[in-house]
Structure formats: C-alpha cells, structure tokens
Amino acid sequence: MQEKKWYKKKVFYIPVAIILGLLGAGASYATLLDKDVDDELNPDYYNGIDQDLFKKEWL
C-alpha cells in the first residue's frame, strides 16, 4: 500500500480550512467595527463617486 502525500490527507486540509474560515469571518467582522449602531445604508451610494456606503440616521 502506498503512503498518501502530505497534501492529500484530511489531517492537513481540515485545520487549514478552519483557520482560513476564521480569518475570513474575522475580516468581515472587522469591517463593521468602525460603524455606529445608528448608521444605515446610503441609498444614494451608486449615484455619485463621493457617496459613502453608510450614512448617519438623523432622527
């Protein structure tokens, strides 16, 4: 029986997949850290080049 290569083993891929998943989830969460609770999506985001994605909600 031939030994599997190191890059074909589940022992290698499962921890790598978990680490990459945590990095992706952490990066997506980090983008939201600078936003306040009262920020909302800007409906005019695609209308102008200087528009922000989020805008303050004015009550």
PDB file of N, CA and C in Angstrom:
ATOM      1  N   MET A   1       0.843  -1.183   0.000  1.00  0.00           N
ATOM      2  CA  MET A   1       0.000   0.000   0.000  1.00  0.00           C
ATOM      3  C   MET A   1       0.887   1.245   0.000  1.00  0.00           C
ATOM      4  N   GLN A   2       0.512   2.182  -0.832  1.00  0.00           N
ATOM      5  CA  GLN A   2       1.339   3.378  -0.982  1.00  0.00           C
ATOM      6  C   GLN A   2       0.877   4.467  -0.008  1.00  0.00           C
ATOM      7  N   GLU A   3       1.817   5.130   0.595  1.00  0.00           N
ATOM      8  CA  GLU A   3       1.524   6.215   1.537  1.00  0.00           C
ATOM      9  C   GLU A   3       1.003   7.437   0.782  1.00  0.00           C
ATOM     10  N   LYS A   4      -0.033   8.081   1.352  1.00  0.00           N
ATOM     11  CA  LYS A   4      -0.574   9.294   0.726  1.00  0.00           C
ATOM     12  C   LYS A   4       0.399  10.450   0.915  1.00  0.00           C
ATOM     13  N   LYS A   5       0.376  11.347  -0.044  1.00  0.00           N
ATOM     14  CA  LYS A   5       1.199  12.553   0.074  1.00  0.00           C
ATOM     15  C   LYS A   5       0.634  13.428   1.190  1.00  0.00           C
ATOM     16  N   TRP A   6       1.440  14.295   1.772  1.00  0.00           N
ATOM     17  CA  TRP A   6       1.006  15.125   2.892  1.00  0.00           C
ATOM     18  C   TRP A   6      -0.105  16.081   2.489  1.00  0.00           C
ATOM     19  N   TYR A   7      -0.151  16.510   1.251  1.00  0.00           N
ATOM     20  CA  TYR A   7      -1.164  17.463   0.810  1.00  0.00           C
ATOM     21  C   TYR A   7      -2.462  16.780   0.380  1.00  0.00           C
ATOM     22  N   LYS A   8      -2.513  15.458   0.457  1.00  0.00           N
ATOM     23  CA  LYS A   8      -3.740  14.727   0.124  1.00  0.00           C
ATOM     24  C   LYS A   8      -4.430  14.173   1.365  1.00  0.00           C
ATOM     25  N   LYS A   9      -3.964  14.518   2.541  1.00  0.00           N
ATOM     26  CA  LYS A   9      -4.517  13.985   3.782  1.00  0.00           C
ATOM     27  C   LYS A   9      -5.523  14.957   4.386  1.00  0.00           C
ATOM     28  N   LYS A  10      -6.573  14.403   4.985  1.00  0.00           N
ATOM     29  CA  LYS A  10      -7.579  15.228   5.668  1.00  0.00           C
ATOM     30  C   LYS A  10      -6.986  15.911   6.896  1.00  0.00           C
ATOM     31  N   VAL A  11      -5.988  15.302   7.478  1.00  0.00           N
ATOM     32  CA  VAL A  11      -5.341  15.880   8.662  1.00  0.00           C
ATOM     33  C   VAL A  11      -4.732  17.236   8.329  1.00  0.00           C
ATOM     34  N   PHE A  12      -4.371  17.429   7.083  1.00  0.00           N
ATOM     35  CA  PHE A  12      -3.806  18.704   6.643  1.00  0.00           C
ATOM     36  C   PHE A  12      -4.901  19.693   6.263  1.00  0.00           C
ATOM     37  N   TYR A  13      -5.897  19.259   5.508  1.00  0.00           N
ATOM     38  CA  TYR A  13      -6.894  20.180   4.948  1.00  0.00           C
ATOM     39  C   TYR A  13      -7.893  20.706   5.965  1.00  0.00           C
ATOM     40  N   ILE A  14      -8.312  19.891   6.915  1.00  0.00           N
ATOM     41  CA  ILE A  14      -9.328  20.330   7.874  1.00  0.00           C
ATOM     42  C   ILE A  14      -8.828  21.485   8.745  1.00  0.00           C
ATOM     43  N   PRO A  15      -7.654  21.423   9.362  1.00  0.00           N
ATOM     44  CA  PRO A  15      -7.185  22.591  10.135  1.00  0.00           C
ATOM     45  C   PRO A  15      -6.948  23.827   9.263  1.00  0.00           C
ATOM     46  N   VAL A  16      -6.453  23.631   8.048  1.00  0.00           N
ATOM     47  CA  VAL A  16      -6.230  24.774   7.156  1.00  0.00           C
ATOM     48  C   VAL A  16      -7.566  25.417   6.802  1.00  0.00           C
ATOM     49  N   ALA A  17      -8.600  24.627   6.535  1.00  0.00           N
ATOM     50  CA  ALA A  17      -9.922  25.159   6.215  1.00  0.00           C
ATOM     51  C   ALA A  17     -10.511  25.914   7.402  1.00  0.00           C
ATOM     52  N   ILE A  18     -10.319  25.403   8.598  1.00  0.00           N
ATOM     53  CA  ILE A  18     -10.825  26.086   9.795  1.00  0.00           C
ATOM     54  C   ILE A  18     -10.111  27.419   9.991  1.00  0.00           C
ATOM     55  N   ILE A  19      -8.808  27.435   9.836  1.00  0.00           N
ATOM     56  CA  ILE A  19      -8.039  28.673  10.017  1.00  0.00           C
ATOM     57  C   ILE A  19      -8.431  29.712   8.973  1.00  0.00           C
ATOM     58  N   LEU A  20      -8.559  29.304   7.714  1.00  0.00           N
ATOM     59  CA  LEU A  20      -8.953  30.248   6.670  1.00  0.00           C
ATOM     60  C   LEU A  20     -10.382  30.748   6.877  1.00  0.00           C
ATOM     61  N   GLY A  21     -11.267  29.892   7.369  1.00  0.00           N
ATOM     62  CA  GLY A  21     -12.630  30.317   7.670  1.00  0.00           C
ATOM     63  C   GLY A  21     -12.671  31.343   8.783  1.00  0.00           C
ATOM     64  N   LEU A  22     -11.870  31.138   9.816  1.00  0.00           N
ATOM     65  CA  LEU A  22     -11.822  32.106  10.914  1.00  0.00           C
ATOM     66  C   LEU A  22     -11.229  33.437  10.452  1.00  0.00           C
ATOM     67  N   LEU A  23     -10.222  33.378   9.605  1.00  0.00           N
ATOM     68  CA  LEU A  23      -9.646  34.618   9.078  1.00  0.00           C
ATOM     69  C   LEU A  23     -10.664  35.380   8.234  1.00  0.00           C
ATOM     70  N   GLY A  24     -11.442  34.682   7.423  1.00  0.00           N
ATOM     71  CA  GLY A  24     -12.454  35.332   6.602  1.00  0.00           C
ATOM     72  C   GLY A  24     -13.564  35.933   7.439  1.00  0.00           C
ATOM     73  N   ALA A  25     -14.026  35.206   8.451  1.00  0.00           N
ATOM     74  CA  ALA A  25     -15.082  35.722   9.324  1.00  0.00           C
ATOM     75  C   ALA A  25     -14.559  36.903  10.141  1.00  0.00           C
ATOM     76  N   GLY A  26     -13.322  36.823  10.580  1.00  0.00           N
ATOM     77  CA  GLY A  26     -12.737  37.931  11.339  1.00  0.00           C
ATOM     78  C   GLY A  26     -12.573  39.183  10.499  1.00  0.00           C
ATOM     79  N   ALA A  27     -12.203  39.006   9.255  1.00  0.00           N
ATOM     80  CA  ALA A  27     -12.043  40.162   8.374  1.00  0.00           C
ATOM     81  C   ALA A  27     -13.378  40.813   8.069  1.00  0.00           C
ATOM     82  N   SER A  28     -14.412  40.011   7.873  1.00  0.00           N
ATOM     83  CA  SER A  28     -15.727  40.599   7.598  1.00  0.00           C
ATOM     84  C   SER A  28     -16.277  41.291   8.838  1.00  0.00           C
ATOM     85  N   TYR A  29     -16.007  40.778  10.008  1.00  0.00           N
ATOM     86  CA  TYR A  29     -16.440  41.427  11.243  1.00  0.00           C
ATOM     87  C   TYR A  29     -15.652  42.711  11.491  1.00  0.00           C
ATOM     88  N   ALA A  30     -14.381  42.723  11.160  1.00  0.00           N
ATOM     89  CA  ALA A  30     -13.542  43.896  11.402  1.00  0.00           C
ATOM     90  C   ALA A  30     -13.982  45.091  10.563  1.00  0.00           C
ATOM     91  N   THR A  31     -14.596  44.854   9.424  1.00  0.00           N
ATOM     92  CA  THR A  31     -15.067  45.964   8.599  1.00  0.00           C
ATOM     93  C   THR A  31     -16.232  46.684   9.251  1.00  0.00           C
ATOM     94  N   LEU A  32     -16.941  46.014  10.129  1.00  0.00           N
ATOM     95  CA  LEU A  32     -18.094  46.623  10.788  1.00  0.00           C
ATOM     96  C   LEU A  32     -17.753  47.292  12.116  1.00  0.00           C
ATOM     97  N   LEU A  33     -16.539  47.156  12.587  1.00  0.00           N
ATOM     98  CA  LEU A  33     -16.178  47.695  13.900  1.00  0.00           C
ATOM     99  C   LEU A  33     -16.200  49.210  13.944  1.00  0.00           C
ATOM    100  N   ASP A  34     -15.975  49.859  12.828  1.00  0.00           N
ATOM    101  CA  ASP A  34     -15.905  51.313  12.812  1.00  0.00           C
ATOM    102  C   ASP A  34     -17.282  51.962  12.656  1.00  0.00           C
ATOM    103  N   LYS A  35     -18.334  51.186  12.526  1.00  0.00           N
ATOM    104  CA  LYS A  35     -19.662  51.722  12.278  1.00  0.00           C
ATOM    105  C   LYS A  35     -20.448  51.811  13.575  1.00  0.00           C
ATOM    106  N   ASP A  36     -21.247  52.864  13.707  1.00  0.00           N
ATOM    107  CA  ASP A  36     -22.107  53.035  14.863  1.00  0.00           C
ATOM    108  C   ASP A  36     -23.415  52.285  14.653  1.00  0.00           C
ATOM    109  N   VAL A  37     -24.174  52.162  15.728  1.00  0.00           N
ATOM    110  CA  VAL A  37     -25.447  51.458  15.652  1.00  0.00           C
ATOM    111  C   VAL A  37     -26.449  52.249  14.812  1.00  0.00           C
ATOM    112  N   ASP A  38     -26.340  53.571  14.840  1.00  0.00           N
ATOM    113  CA  ASP A  38     -27.317  54.390  14.118  1.00  0.00           C
ATOM    114  C   ASP A  38     -26.933  54.638  12.659  1.00  0.00           C
ATOM    115  N   ASP A  39     -25.866  54.020  12.168  1.00  0.00           N
ATOM    116  CA  ASP A  39     -25.517  54.130  10.749  1.00  0.00           C
ATOM    117  C   ASP A  39     -26.457  53.259   9.928  1.00  0.00           C
ATOM    118  N   GLU A  40     -26.828  53.722   8.772  1.00  0.00           N
ATOM    119  CA  GLU A  40     -27.670  52.933   7.875  1.00  0.00           C
ATOM    120  C   GLU A  40     -27.085  52.990   6.471  1.00  0.00           C
ATOM    121  N   LEU A  41     -27.506  52.067   5.630  1.00  0.00           N
ATOM    122  CA  LEU A  41     -27.018  52.042   4.255  1.00  0.00           C
ATOM    123  C   LEU A  41     -27.488  53.276   3.502  1.00  0.00           C
ATOM    124  N   ASN A  42     -26.622  53.809   2.678  1.00  0.00           N
ATOM    125  CA  ASN A  42     -26.929  55.005   1.908  1.00  0.00           C
ATOM    126  C   ASN A  42     -27.579  54.592   0.581  1.00  0.00           C
ATOM    127  N   PRO A  43     -28.843  54.986   0.336  1.00  0.00           N
ATOM    128  CA  PRO A  43     -29.474  54.614  -0.928  1.00  0.00           C
ATOM    129  C   PRO A  43     -28.869  55.340  -2.129  1.00  0.00           C
ATOM    130  N   ASP A  44     -28.145  56.423  -1.909  1.00  0.00           N
ATOM    131  CA  ASP A  44     -27.529  57.187  -2.991  1.00  0.00           C
ATOM    132  C   ASP A  44     -26.086  56.761  -3.256  1.00  0.00           C
ATOM    133  N   TYR A  45     -25.676  55.594  -2.743  1.00  0.00           N
ATOM    134  CA  TYR A  45     -24.288  55.140  -2.847  1.00  0.00           C
ATOM    135  C   TYR A  45     -23.828  55.021  -4.299  1.00  0.00           C
ATOM    136  N   TYR A  46     -24.686  54.518  -5.168  1.00  0.00           N
ATOM    137  CA  TYR A  46     -24.294  54.308  -6.561  1.00  0.00           C
ATOM    138  C   TYR A  46     -24.543  55.526  -7.442  1.00  0.00           C
ATOM    139  N   ASN A  47     -25.096  56.590  -6.903  1.00  0.00           N
ATOM    140  CA  ASN A  47     -25.407  57.772  -7.707  1.00  0.00           C
ATOM    141  C   ASN A  47     -24.235  58.733  -7.847  1.00  0.00           C
ATOM    142  N   GLY A  48     -23.294  58.710  -6.942  1.00  0.00           N
ATOM    143  CA  GLY A  48     -22.173  59.636  -7.009  1.00  0.00           C
ATOM    144  C   GLY A  48     -20.885  58.992  -6.573  1.00  0.00           C
ATOM    145  N   ILE A  49     -19.785  59.541  -7.039  1.00  0.00           N
ATOM    146  CA  ILE A  49     -18.470  58.969  -6.738  1.00  0.00           C
ATOM    147  C   ILE A  49     -18.036  59.264  -5.300  1.00  0.00           C
ATOM    148  N   ASP A  50     -18.566  60.338  -4.720  1.00  0.00           N
ATOM    149  CA  ASP A  50     -18.157  60.727  -3.368  1.00  0.00           C
ATOM    150  C   ASP A  50     -19.119  60.255  -2.288  1.00  0.00           C
ATOM    151  N   GLN A  51     -20.055  59.396  -2.623  1.00  0.00           N
ATOM    152  CA  GLN A  51     -21.034  58.924  -1.653  1.00  0.00           C
ATOM    153  C   GLN A  51     -20.432  57.815  -0.790  1.00  0.00           C
ATOM    154  N   ASP A  52     -20.744  57.831   0.503  1.00  0.00           N
ATOM    155  CA  ASP A  52     -20.311  56.778   1.419  1.00  0.00           C
ATOM    156  C   ASP A  52     -21.333  55.643   1.414  1.00  0.00           C
ATOM    157  N   LEU A  53     -20.877  54.439   1.765  1.00  0.00           N
ATOM    158  CA  LEU A  53     -21.788  53.307   1.817  1.00  0.00           C
ATOM    159  C   LEU A  53     -22.748  53.436   2.993  1.00  0.00           C
ATOM    160  N   PHE A  54     -22.262  53.945   4.118  1.00  0.00           N
ATOM    161  CA  PHE A  54     -23.103  54.161   5.281  1.00  0.00           C
ATOM    162  C   PHE A  54     -23.300  55.641   5.516  1.00  0.00           C
ATOM    163  N   LYS A  55     -24.425  56.015   6.072  1.00  0.00           N
ATOM    164  CA  LYS A  55     -24.668  57.405   6.442  1.00  0.00           C
ATOM    165  C   LYS A  55     -25.326  57.415   7.807  1.00  0.00           C
ATOM    166  N   LYS A  56     -25.224  58.546   8.494  1.00  0.00           N
ATOM    167  CA  LYS A  56     -25.837  58.691   9.806  1.00  0.00           C
ATOM    168  C   LYS A  56     -27.340  58.808   9.651  1.00  0.00           C
ATOM    169  N   GLU A  57     -28.050  58.158  10.562  1.00  0.00           N
ATOM    170  CA  GLU A  57     -29.510  58.257  10.574  1.00  0.00           C
ATOM    171  C   GLU A  57     -29.875  59.473  11.409  1.00  0.00           C
ATOM    172  N   TRP A  58     -30.510  60.441  10.820  1.00  0.00           N
ATOM    173  CA  TRP A  58     -30.911  61.651  11.519  1.00  0.00           C
ATOM    174  C   TRP A  58     -32.366  61.513  11.954  1.00  0.00           C
ATOM    175  N   LEU A  59     -32.594  61.639  13.212  1.00  0.00           N
ATOM    176  CA  LEU A  59     -33.966  61.484  13.757  1.00  0.00           C
ATOM    177  C   LEU A  59     -34.705  62.784  13.759  1.00  0.00           C
TER     178      LEU A  59
END
